[in-house]
Amino acid sequence: MHSFMGGGLFCAIVGNILLVVSTATDYWMQYRLSGSFAHQGLWRYCMSGKCYMQTDSIAYWNATRAFMILSAMSCFAGIIAGILSFAHFSAFERFNRSFAAGIMFFVSTLFVLLAMAIYTGVTVNFLGKRFGDWRFSWSYILGWVALLMTFFAGIFYMCAYRMHECRRVTGPR
């Protein structure tokens, strides 16, 4: 049980770091504009070595930002619940912290999936046609890797919960 929780905690910490880095960096998309390379993230765009804030309030950027932030927050809450699941407090016997951590990691996975789907759909359908020579970049890829890490963290914690429930029902061996 503890090995599942340890693996889940590792995946969750790595996933949360990747979520924060992906959200904060400016390399979601790279393209060529007027003969020079440019790149953009959720917060800024950079051309000719200078970066500028995204001042336009475009719905898909706002939705992507919001879902990425919510994902990082729910993953962090899951990490706290996951760490607390190693402790045995008698006041919390009816509340299983490993189950709560698993649910928080699945919620985080759902939020990052929504963020990535919105960004991917709009980028491919709108910006992809506007810029001829473009590609997704490493910040975007980190978002997808974070999705996998939070998903596997949820799987590990649900396995730990099931092992705990099986031991509780059948008794200690």
C-alpha atoms as a PDB file:
ATOM      1  CA  MET A   1       0.000   0.000   0.000  1.00  0.00           C
ATOM      2  CA  HIS A   2       2.745   2.433   0.922  1.00  0.00           C
ATOM      3  CA  SER A   3       4.645   1.679  -2.275  1.00  0.00           C
ATOM      4  CA  PHE A   4       1.582   2.656  -4.327  1.00  0.00           C
ATOM      5  CA  MET A   5       1.226   5.855  -2.325  1.00  0.00           C
ATOM      6  CA  GLY A   6       4.935   6.609  -2.724  1.00  0.00           C
ATOM      7  CA  GLY A   7       4.751   6.085  -6.480  1.00  0.00           C
ATOM      8  CA  GLY A   8       1.619   8.200  -6.643  1.00  0.00           C
ATOM      9  CA  LEU A   9       3.229  10.959  -4.621  1.00  0.00           C
ATOM     10  CA  PHE A  10       6.267  10.940  -6.934  1.00  0.00           C
ATOM     11  CA  CYS A  11       4.048  11.173 -10.030  1.00  0.00           C
ATOM     12  CA  ALA A  12       1.984  13.933  -8.428  1.00  0.00           C
ATOM     13  CA  ILE A  13       4.980  16.060  -7.441  1.00  0.00           C
ATOM     14  CA  VAL A  14       6.526  15.717 -10.894  1.00  0.00           C
ATOM     15  CA  GLY A  15       3.135  16.408 -12.496  1.00  0.00           C
ATOM     16  CA  ASN A  16       2.585  19.524 -10.384  1.00  0.00           C
ATOM     17  CA  ILE A  17       6.038  20.875 -11.245  1.00  0.00           C
ATOM     18  CA  LEU A  18       5.347  20.249 -14.937  1.00  0.00           C
ATOM     19  CA  LEU A  19       1.955  21.977 -14.665  1.00  0.00           C
ATOM     20  CA  VAL A  20       3.496  25.088 -13.130  1.00  0.00           C
ATOM     21  CA  VAL A  21       6.384  25.195 -15.618  1.00  0.00           C
ATOM     22  CA  SER A  22       4.081  24.599 -18.578  1.00  0.00           C
ATOM     23  CA  THR A  23       1.645  27.296 -17.467  1.00  0.00           C
ATOM     24  CA  ALA A  24       4.337  29.880 -16.743  1.00  0.00           C
ATOM     25  CA  THR A  25       6.579  29.516 -19.802  1.00  0.00           C
ATOM     26  CA  ASP A  26       6.268  31.128 -23.220  1.00  0.00           C
ATOM     27  CA  TYR A  27       6.802  28.186 -25.551  1.00  0.00           C
ATOM     28  CA  TRP A  28       3.364  26.764 -26.240  1.00  0.00           C
ATOM     29  CA  MET A  29       3.631  27.571 -29.937  1.00  0.00           C
ATOM     30  CA  GLN A  30       6.471  28.628 -32.250  1.00  0.00           C
ATOM     31  CA  TYR A  31       6.033  30.196 -35.669  1.00  0.00           C
ATOM     32  CA  ARG A  32       7.738  32.249 -38.326  1.00  0.00           C
ATOM     33  CA  LEU A  33       6.467  35.804 -38.667  1.00  0.00           C
ATOM     34  CA  SER A  34       7.882  38.231 -41.253  1.00  0.00           C
ATOM     35  CA  GLY A  35      10.971  36.095 -41.731  1.00  0.00           C
ATOM     36  CA  SER A  36      11.868  35.847 -38.024  1.00  0.00           C
ATOM     37  CA  PHE A  37      10.988  33.276 -35.431  1.00  0.00           C
ATOM     38  CA  ALA A  38       8.419  34.038 -32.751  1.00  0.00           C
ATOM     39  CA  HIS A  39       6.918  32.065 -29.889  1.00  0.00           C
ATOM     40  CA  GLN A  40       4.017  32.487 -27.525  1.00  0.00           C
ATOM     41  CA  GLY A  41       2.713  31.142 -24.282  1.00  0.00           C
ATOM     42  CA  LEU A  42      -0.424  31.691 -22.270  1.00  0.00           C
ATOM     43  CA  TRP A  43       0.783  34.991 -20.832  1.00  0.00           C
ATOM     44  CA  ARG A  44       3.291  36.489 -23.301  1.00  0.00           C
ATOM     45  CA  TYR A  45       4.410  36.380 -26.908  1.00  0.00           C
ATOM     46  CA  CYS A  46       7.953  37.001 -28.077  1.00  0.00           C
ATOM     47  CA  MET A  47       9.225  38.337 -31.405  1.00  0.00           C
ATOM     48  CA  SER A  48      12.749  39.371 -32.418  1.00  0.00           C
ATOM     49  CA  GLY A  49      14.108  38.745 -28.931  1.00  0.00           C
ATOM     50  CA  LYS A  50      11.532  40.956 -27.155  1.00  0.00           C
ATOM     51  CA  CYS A  51       8.591  39.649 -25.165  1.00  0.00           C
ATOM     52  CA  TYR A  52       5.228  41.365 -24.744  1.00  0.00           C
ATOM     53  CA  MET A  53       2.299  40.664 -22.452  1.00  0.00           C
ATOM     54  CA  GLN A  54      -0.813  39.110 -23.985  1.00  0.00           C
ATOM     55  CA  THR A  55      -3.158  42.071 -23.493  1.00  0.00           C
ATOM     56  CA  ASP A  56      -6.008  40.653 -25.563  1.00  0.00           C
ATOM     57  CA  SER A  57      -8.696  38.967 -23.508  1.00  0.00           C
ATOM     58  CA  ILE A  58      -9.291  36.034 -25.826  1.00  0.00           C
ATOM     59  CA  ALA A  59     -11.659  33.405 -24.443  1.00  0.00           C
ATOM     60  CA  TYR A  60      -9.593  30.328 -25.275  1.00  0.00           C
ATOM     61  CA  TRP A  61      -6.448  31.765 -23.629  1.00  0.00           C
ATOM     62  CA  ASN A  62      -8.456  32.672 -20.546  1.00  0.00           C
ATOM     63  CA  ALA A  63     -10.050  29.216 -20.438  1.00  0.00           C
ATOM     64  CA  THR A  64      -6.696  27.488 -20.919  1.00  0.00           C
ATOM     65  CA  ARG A  65      -5.079  29.635 -18.225  1.00  0.00           C
ATOM     66  CA  ALA A  66      -7.944  29.021 -15.789  1.00  0.00           C
ATOM     67  CA  PHE A  67      -7.980  25.256 -16.301  1.00  0.00           C
ATOM     68  CA  MET A  68      -4.182  25.005 -15.995  1.00  0.00           C
ATOM     69  CA  ILE A  69      -4.241  26.980 -12.728  1.00  0.00           C
ATOM     70  CA  LEU A  70      -7.141  24.910 -11.377  1.00  0.00           C
ATOM     71  CA  SER A  71      -5.285  21.753 -12.360  1.00  0.00           C
ATOM     72  CA  ALA A  72      -2.135  22.818 -10.500  1.00  0.00           C
ATOM     73  CA  MET A  73      -4.195  23.782  -7.435  1.00  0.00           C
ATOM     74  CA  SER A  74      -6.120  20.499  -7.323  1.00  0.00           C
ATOM     75  CA  CYS A  75      -2.896  18.552  -7.850  1.00  0.00           C
ATOM     76  CA  PHE A  76      -1.327  20.451  -4.934  1.00  0.00           C
ATOM     77  CA  ALA A  77      -4.359  19.679  -2.755  1.00  0.00           C
ATOM     78  CA  GLY A  78      -3.993  16.033  -3.749  1.00  0.00           C
ATOM     79  CA  ILE A  79      -0.322  16.104  -2.757  1.00  0.00           C
ATOM     80  CA  ILE A  80      -1.259  17.449   0.685  1.00  0.00           C
ATOM     81  CA  ALA A  81      -3.930  14.737   1.082  1.00  0.00           C
ATOM     82  CA  GLY A  82      -1.434  12.169  -0.207  1.00  0.00           C
ATOM     83  CA  ILE A  83       1.182  13.170   2.350  1.00  0.00           C
ATOM     84  CA  LEU A  84      -1.427  13.104   5.119  1.00  0.00           C
ATOM     85  CA  SER A  85      -2.484   9.604   4.030  1.00  0.00           C
ATOM     86  CA  PHE A  86       0.827   8.299   5.383  1.00  0.00           C
ATOM     87  CA  ALA A  87      -0.166   9.482   8.868  1.00  0.00           C
ATOM     88  CA  HIS A  88      -2.763   7.670  10.950  1.00  0.00           C
ATOM     89  CA  PHE A  89      -4.990  10.113  12.812  1.00  0.00           C
ATOM     90  CA  SER A  90      -7.773   8.499  14.815  1.00  0.00           C
ATOM     91  CA  ALA A  91     -10.038  11.531  14.286  1.00  0.00           C
ATOM     92  CA  PHE A  92     -10.145  10.814  10.552  1.00  0.00           C
ATOM     93  CA  GLU A  93     -10.968   7.103  10.520  1.00  0.00           C
ATOM     94  CA  ARG A  94     -14.122   7.539   8.433  1.00  0.00           C
ATOM     95  CA  PHE A  95     -12.343   9.756   5.894  1.00  0.00           C
ATOM     96  CA  ASN A  96      -9.835   7.936   3.714  1.00  0.00           C
ATOM     97  CA  ARG A  97      -7.137  10.369   2.642  1.00  0.00           C
ATOM     98  CA  SER A  98      -5.698   8.111  -0.060  1.00  0.00           C
ATOM     99  CA  PHE A  99      -9.114   8.015  -1.740  1.00  0.00           C
ATOM    100  CA  ALA A 100      -9.397  11.820  -1.470  1.00  0.00           C
ATOM    101  CA  ALA A 101      -5.895  12.236  -2.931  1.00  0.00           C
ATOM    102  CA  GLY A 102      -6.774   9.941  -5.850  1.00  0.00           C
ATOM    103  CA  ILE A 103      -9.932  11.917  -6.578  1.00  0.00           C
ATOM    104  CA  MET A 104      -7.995  15.212  -6.471  1.00  0.00           C
ATOM    105  CA  PHE A 105      -5.458  13.833  -8.957  1.00  0.00           C
ATOM    106  CA  PHE A 106      -8.246  12.733 -11.295  1.00  0.00           C
ATOM    107  CA  VAL A 107      -9.840  16.184 -11.011  1.00  0.00           C
ATOM    108  CA  SER A 108      -6.452  17.697 -11.858  1.00  0.00           C
ATOM    109  CA  THR A 109      -6.233  15.371 -14.863  1.00  0.00           C
ATOM    110  CA  LEU A 110      -9.669  16.480 -16.032  1.00  0.00           C
ATOM    111  CA  PHE A 111      -8.742  20.169 -15.741  1.00  0.00           C
ATOM    112  CA  VAL A 112      -5.479  19.798 -17.643  1.00  0.00           C
ATOM    113  CA  LEU A 113      -7.270  17.713 -20.295  1.00  0.00           C
ATOM    114  CA  LEU A 114      -9.816  20.506 -20.763  1.00  0.00           C
ATOM    115  CA  ALA A 115      -7.051  23.123 -20.977  1.00  0.00           C
ATOM    116  CA  MET A 116      -5.037  21.144 -23.525  1.00  0.00           C
ATOM    117  CA  ALA A 117      -8.109  20.278 -25.614  1.00  0.00           C
ATOM    118  CA  ILE A 118      -9.252  23.892 -25.788  1.00  0.00           C
ATOM    119  CA  TYR A 119      -5.786  25.167 -26.683  1.00  0.00           C
ATOM    120  CA  THR A 120      -5.197  22.422 -29.249  1.00  0.00           C
ATOM    121  CA  GLY A 121      -8.570  22.825 -30.944  1.00  0.00           C
ATOM    122  CA  VAL A 122      -8.393  26.587 -31.312  1.00  0.00           C
ATOM    123  CA  THR A 123      -4.730  26.618 -32.281  1.00  0.00           C
ATOM    124  CA  VAL A 124      -5.137  24.023 -35.015  1.00  0.00           C
ATOM    125  CA  ASN A 125      -8.375  25.475 -36.392  1.00  0.00           C
ATOM    126  CA  PHE A 126      -7.605  29.187 -36.152  1.00  0.00           C
ATOM    127  CA  LEU A 127      -3.950  30.022 -35.615  1.00  0.00           C
ATOM    128  CA  GLY A 128      -2.708  27.065 -37.625  1.00  0.00           C
ATOM    129  CA  LYS A 129      -4.373  28.469 -40.708  1.00  0.00           C
ATOM    130  CA  ARG A 130      -3.186  32.012 -39.969  1.00  0.00           C
ATOM    131  CA  PHE A 131       0.480  31.093 -39.636  1.00  0.00           C
ATOM    132  CA  GLY A 132       1.840  28.809 -42.323  1.00  0.00           C
ATOM    133  CA  ASP A 133       5.050  27.676 -40.636  1.00  0.00           C
ATOM    134  CA  TRP A 134       4.167  26.862 -36.997  1.00  0.00           C
ATOM    135  CA  ARG A 135       4.435  24.057 -34.448  1.00  0.00           C
ATOM    136  CA  PHE A 136       3.587  23.264 -30.869  1.00  0.00           C
ATOM    137  CA  SER A 137       6.572  23.693 -28.575  1.00  0.00           C
ATOM    138  CA  TRP A 138       7.958  22.276 -25.354  1.00  0.00           C
ATOM    139  CA  SER A 139       5.681  24.092 -22.866  1.00  0.00           C
ATOM    140  CA  TYR A 140       2.698  22.559 -24.636  1.00  0.00           C
ATOM    141  CA  ILE A 141       4.318  19.109 -24.546  1.00  0.00           C
ATOM    142  CA  LEU A 142       4.998  19.487 -20.806  1.00  0.00           C
ATOM    143  CA  GLY A 143       1.266  20.059 -20.337  1.00  0.00           C
ATOM    144  CA  TRP A 144       0.493  16.695 -21.938  1.00  0.00           C
ATOM    145  CA  VAL A 145       3.182  14.953 -19.866  1.00  0.00           C
ATOM    146  CA  ALA A 146       1.710  16.574 -16.724  1.00  0.00           C
ATOM    147  CA  LEU A 147      -1.674  15.116 -17.719  1.00  0.00           C
ATOM    148  CA  LEU A 148      -0.166  11.624 -17.774  1.00  0.00           C
ATOM    149  CA  MET A 149       1.629  12.140 -14.459  1.00  0.00           C
ATOM    150  CA  THR A 150      -1.492  13.338 -12.629  1.00  0.00           C
ATOM    151  CA  PHE A 151      -3.512  10.481 -14.134  1.00  0.00           C
ATOM    152  CA  PHE A 152      -1.001   7.871 -12.957  1.00  0.00           C
ATOM    153  CA  ALA A 153      -0.857   9.527  -9.526  1.00  0.00           C
ATOM    154  CA  GLY A 154      -4.621   9.030  -9.306  1.00  0.00           C
ATOM    155  CA  ILE A 155      -4.292   5.395 -10.389  1.00  0.00           C
ATOM    156  CA  PHE A 156      -1.606   4.728  -7.761  1.00  0.00           C
ATOM    157  CA  TYR A 157      -3.660   6.291  -4.975  1.00  0.00           C
ATOM    158  CA  MET A 158      -6.805   4.410  -5.978  1.00  0.00           C
ATOM    159  CA  CYS A 159      -4.809   1.158  -5.917  1.00  0.00           C
ATOM    160  CA  ALA A 160      -3.542   2.068  -2.434  1.00  0.00           C
ATOM    161  CA  TYR A 161      -7.114   2.778  -1.344  1.00  0.00           C
ATOM    162  CA  ARG A 162      -8.328  -0.588  -2.692  1.00  0.00           C
ATOM    163  CA  MET A 163      -5.499  -2.417  -0.915  1.00  0.00           C
ATOM    164  CA  HIS A 164      -6.371  -0.632   2.329  1.00  0.00           C
ATOM    165  CA  GLU A 165     -10.073  -1.494   1.941  1.00  0.00           C
ATOM    166  CA  CYS A 166      -9.289  -5.144   1.203  1.00  0.00           C
ATOM    167  CA  ARG A 167      -7.102  -5.372   4.316  1.00  0.00           C
ATOM    168  CA  ARG A 168      -9.735  -3.630   6.427  1.00  0.00           C
ATOM    169  CA  VAL A 169     -12.498  -6.020   5.301  1.00  0.00           C
ATOM    170  CA  THR A 170     -10.509  -9.261   5.556  1.00  0.00           C
ATOM    171  CA  GLY A 171      -8.507  -8.246   8.610  1.00  0.00           C
ATOM    172  CA  PRO A 172      -4.739  -8.027   9.116  1.00  0.00           C
ATOM    173  CA  ARG A 173      -2.609 -10.895   7.893  1.00  0.00           C
END
